[in-house]
Amino acid sequence: MRLDSHPDVVYSACWNWDGSQLVTTCKDKKIRILDPRSGEILEEAIAHEGSKATRAIFLSARFCNF
């Protein structure tokens, strides 16, 4: 899978339980939830302000932790 919607290095990627969403963290300090079939960004937010790499995981069908 190509992640063309990311402007920099992807630090982590995690599928939700049924594969319908993918959560990623990137060197640009943003967390993104994507529809892997269309490549559309469903949600995007600033994950942190520091320089440390982050990791995101789905906790359930509705919740994501980073």
N, C-alpha and C. Protein backbone atom coordinates (compact mmCIF):
# COMPACT_ATOMS: atom_id res chain seq x y z
N MET A 1 0.84 -1.17 0.00
CA MET A 1 0.00 0.00 0.00
C MET A 1 0.89 1.24 0.00
N ARG A 2 0.57 2.18 -0.84
CA ARG A 2 1.28 3.47 -0.87
C ARG A 2 0.54 4.47 -0.02
N LEU A 3 1.29 5.26 0.71
CA LEU A 3 0.71 6.30 1.54
C LEU A 3 1.09 7.66 0.96
N ASP A 4 0.48 8.02 -0.14
CA ASP A 4 0.80 9.27 -0.82
C ASP A 4 0.34 10.50 -0.05
N SER A 5 -0.55 10.34 0.91
CA SER A 5 -1.08 11.48 1.66
C SER A 5 -0.15 11.94 2.77
N HIS A 6 1.02 11.30 2.91
CA HIS A 6 1.97 11.65 3.96
C HIS A 6 3.16 12.39 3.37
N PRO A 7 3.46 13.59 3.89
CA PRO A 7 4.55 14.38 3.33
C PRO A 7 5.94 13.98 3.82
N ASP A 8 5.99 13.07 4.79
CA ASP A 8 7.28 12.72 5.38
C ASP A 8 7.28 11.25 5.79
N VAL A 9 8.26 10.84 6.54
CA VAL A 9 8.43 9.45 6.97
C VAL A 9 7.25 9.02 7.85
N VAL A 10 6.69 7.85 7.58
CA VAL A 10 5.63 7.27 8.41
C VAL A 10 6.29 6.47 9.52
N TYR A 11 6.00 6.83 10.78
CA TYR A 11 6.59 6.15 11.93
C TYR A 11 5.84 4.86 12.29
N SER A 12 4.52 4.89 12.22
CA SER A 12 3.75 3.69 12.57
C SER A 12 2.46 3.65 11.77
N ALA A 13 1.95 2.43 11.63
CA ALA A 13 0.67 2.22 10.96
C ALA A 13 -0.01 1.03 11.63
N CYS A 14 -1.32 1.14 11.83
CA CYS A 14 -2.07 0.07 12.50
C CYS A 14 -3.46 -0.02 11.88
N TRP A 15 -3.86 -1.23 11.52
CA TRP A 15 -5.19 -1.48 10.97
C TRP A 15 -6.19 -1.60 12.11
N ASN A 16 -7.45 -1.19 11.86
CA ASN A 16 -8.48 -1.49 12.84
C ASN A 16 -8.88 -2.96 12.69
N TRP A 17 -9.79 -3.43 13.53
CA TRP A 17 -10.07 -4.86 13.63
C TRP A 17 -10.58 -5.48 12.33
N ASP A 18 -11.30 -4.71 11.49
CA ASP A 18 -11.84 -5.30 10.26
C ASP A 18 -11.14 -4.82 8.98
N GLY A 19 -10.07 -4.05 9.14
CA GLY A 19 -9.31 -3.60 7.98
C GLY A 19 -9.92 -2.44 7.21
N SER A 20 -10.95 -1.82 7.77
CA SER A 20 -11.63 -0.73 7.06
C SER A 20 -10.98 0.63 7.29
N GLN A 21 -10.08 0.72 8.28
CA GLN A 21 -9.38 1.96 8.55
C GLN A 21 -7.93 1.68 8.91
N LEU A 22 -7.09 2.66 8.64
CA LEU A 22 -5.67 2.57 8.96
C LEU A 22 -5.29 3.85 9.68
N VAL A 23 -4.66 3.71 10.85
CA VAL A 23 -4.18 4.89 11.57
C VAL A 23 -2.66 4.95 11.41
N THR A 24 -2.15 6.15 11.15
CA THR A 24 -0.71 6.33 10.95
C THR A 24 -0.21 7.51 11.76
N THR A 25 1.08 7.46 12.10
CA THR A 25 1.76 8.63 12.64
C THR A 25 2.93 8.92 11.71
N CYS A 26 3.26 10.19 11.63
CA CYS A 26 4.23 10.64 10.64
C CYS A 26 5.24 11.60 11.27
N LYS A 27 6.36 11.76 10.63
CA LYS A 27 7.40 12.67 11.11
C LYS A 27 6.90 14.12 11.14
N ASP A 28 5.85 14.44 10.40
CA ASP A 28 5.29 15.80 10.43
C ASP A 28 4.47 16.05 11.68
N LYS A 29 4.49 15.10 12.64
CA LYS A 29 3.84 15.21 13.96
C LYS A 29 2.32 15.12 13.89
N LYS A 30 1.79 14.51 12.83
CA LYS A 30 0.35 14.37 12.70
C LYS A 30 -0.05 12.90 12.76
N ILE A 31 -1.25 12.67 13.26
CA ILE A 31 -1.86 11.35 13.24
C ILE A 31 -2.99 11.42 12.22
N ARG A 32 -3.09 10.37 11.41
CA ARG A 32 -4.12 10.34 10.37
C ARG A 32 -4.85 9.01 10.42
N ILE A 33 -6.16 9.08 10.22
CA ILE A 33 -6.97 7.87 10.04
C ILE A 33 -7.43 7.89 8.60
N LEU A 34 -7.11 6.81 7.89
CA LEU A 34 -7.38 6.75 6.45
C LEU A 34 -8.33 5.61 6.11
N ASP A 35 -9.04 5.79 5.01
CA ASP A 35 -9.78 4.70 4.39
C ASP A 35 -8.80 4.05 3.42
N PRO A 36 -8.34 2.83 3.69
CA PRO A 36 -7.30 2.22 2.85
C PRO A 36 -7.77 1.90 1.43
N ARG A 37 -9.05 1.77 1.24
CA ARG A 37 -9.55 1.44 -0.10
C ARG A 37 -9.53 2.64 -1.03
N SER A 38 -9.89 3.81 -0.50
CA SER A 38 -9.93 5.01 -1.33
C SER A 38 -8.70 5.90 -1.16
N GLY A 39 -7.98 5.73 -0.04
CA GLY A 39 -6.85 6.60 0.26
C GLY A 39 -7.26 7.91 0.90
N GLU A 40 -8.56 8.09 1.12
CA GLU A 40 -9.09 9.33 1.71
C GLU A 40 -8.68 9.45 3.17
N ILE A 41 -8.28 10.66 3.58
CA ILE A 41 -8.00 10.93 4.99
C ILE A 41 -9.33 11.21 5.68
N LEU A 42 -9.69 10.38 6.66
CA LEU A 42 -10.95 10.53 7.39
C LEU A 42 -10.81 11.50 8.55
N GLU A 43 -9.68 11.46 9.23
CA GLU A 43 -9.38 12.35 10.36
C GLU A 43 -7.90 12.69 10.33
N GLU A 44 -7.57 13.88 10.79
CA GLU A 44 -6.18 14.30 10.88
C GLU A 44 -6.05 15.24 12.07
N ALA A 45 -5.01 15.05 12.88
CA ALA A 45 -4.79 15.90 14.05
C ALA A 45 -3.30 15.95 14.37
N ILE A 46 -2.90 16.97 15.10
CA ILE A 46 -1.53 17.05 15.58
C ILE A 46 -1.39 16.08 16.74
N ALA A 47 -0.43 15.18 16.66
CA ALA A 47 -0.26 14.15 17.68
C ALA A 47 0.55 14.66 18.87
N HIS A 48 1.57 15.48 18.61
CA HIS A 48 2.44 15.97 19.68
C HIS A 48 3.26 17.13 19.16
N GLU A 49 3.92 17.82 20.07
CA GLU A 49 4.75 18.96 19.69
C GLU A 49 6.24 18.64 19.76
N GLY A 50 6.60 17.54 20.40
CA GLY A 50 8.01 17.19 20.57
C GLY A 50 8.61 16.55 19.33
N SER A 51 9.87 16.15 19.45
CA SER A 51 10.57 15.54 18.32
C SER A 51 10.58 14.02 18.37
N LYS A 52 10.01 13.44 19.40
CA LYS A 52 10.00 12.00 19.58
C LYS A 52 8.97 11.33 18.66
N ALA A 53 9.34 10.20 18.10
CA ALA A 53 8.41 9.45 17.24
C ALA A 53 7.23 8.93 18.07
N THR A 54 6.05 8.88 17.47
CA THR A 54 4.87 8.36 18.16
C THR A 54 4.36 7.11 17.46
N ARG A 55 3.54 6.39 18.18
CA ARG A 55 2.92 5.17 17.67
C ARG A 55 1.43 5.24 17.97
N ALA A 56 0.60 4.82 17.05
CA ALA A 56 -0.84 4.81 17.25
C ALA A 56 -1.38 3.40 17.06
N ILE A 57 -2.38 3.05 17.87
CA ILE A 57 -3.03 1.74 17.76
C ILE A 57 -4.54 1.92 17.94
N PHE A 58 -5.31 1.06 17.32
CA PHE A 58 -6.75 1.02 17.55
C PHE A 58 -7.01 0.19 18.79
N LEU A 59 -7.81 0.72 19.72
CA LEU A 59 -8.16 -0.01 20.93
C LEU A 59 -9.45 -0.79 20.75
N SER A 60 -10.33 -0.29 19.91
CA SER A 60 -11.60 -0.97 19.62
C SER A 60 -12.09 -0.45 18.28
N ALA A 61 -13.30 -0.78 17.94
CA ALA A 61 -13.86 -0.36 16.66
C ALA A 61 -14.01 1.16 16.58
N ARG A 62 -14.10 1.83 17.74
CA ARG A 62 -14.36 3.27 17.74
C ARG A 62 -13.24 4.12 18.30
N PHE A 63 -12.27 3.52 18.99
CA PHE A 63 -11.28 4.32 19.69
C PHE A 63 -9.86 4.03 19.21
N CYS A 64 -9.09 5.07 19.15
CA CYS A 64 -7.69 4.98 18.75
C CYS A 64 -6.85 5.64 19.84
N ASN A 65 -5.71 5.06 20.17
CA ASN A 65 -4.83 5.60 21.20
C ASN A 65 -3.48 5.93 20.57
N PHE A 66 -2.91 7.06 20.95
CA PHE A 66 -1.57 7.41 20.48
C PHE A 66 -0.79 8.04 21.59
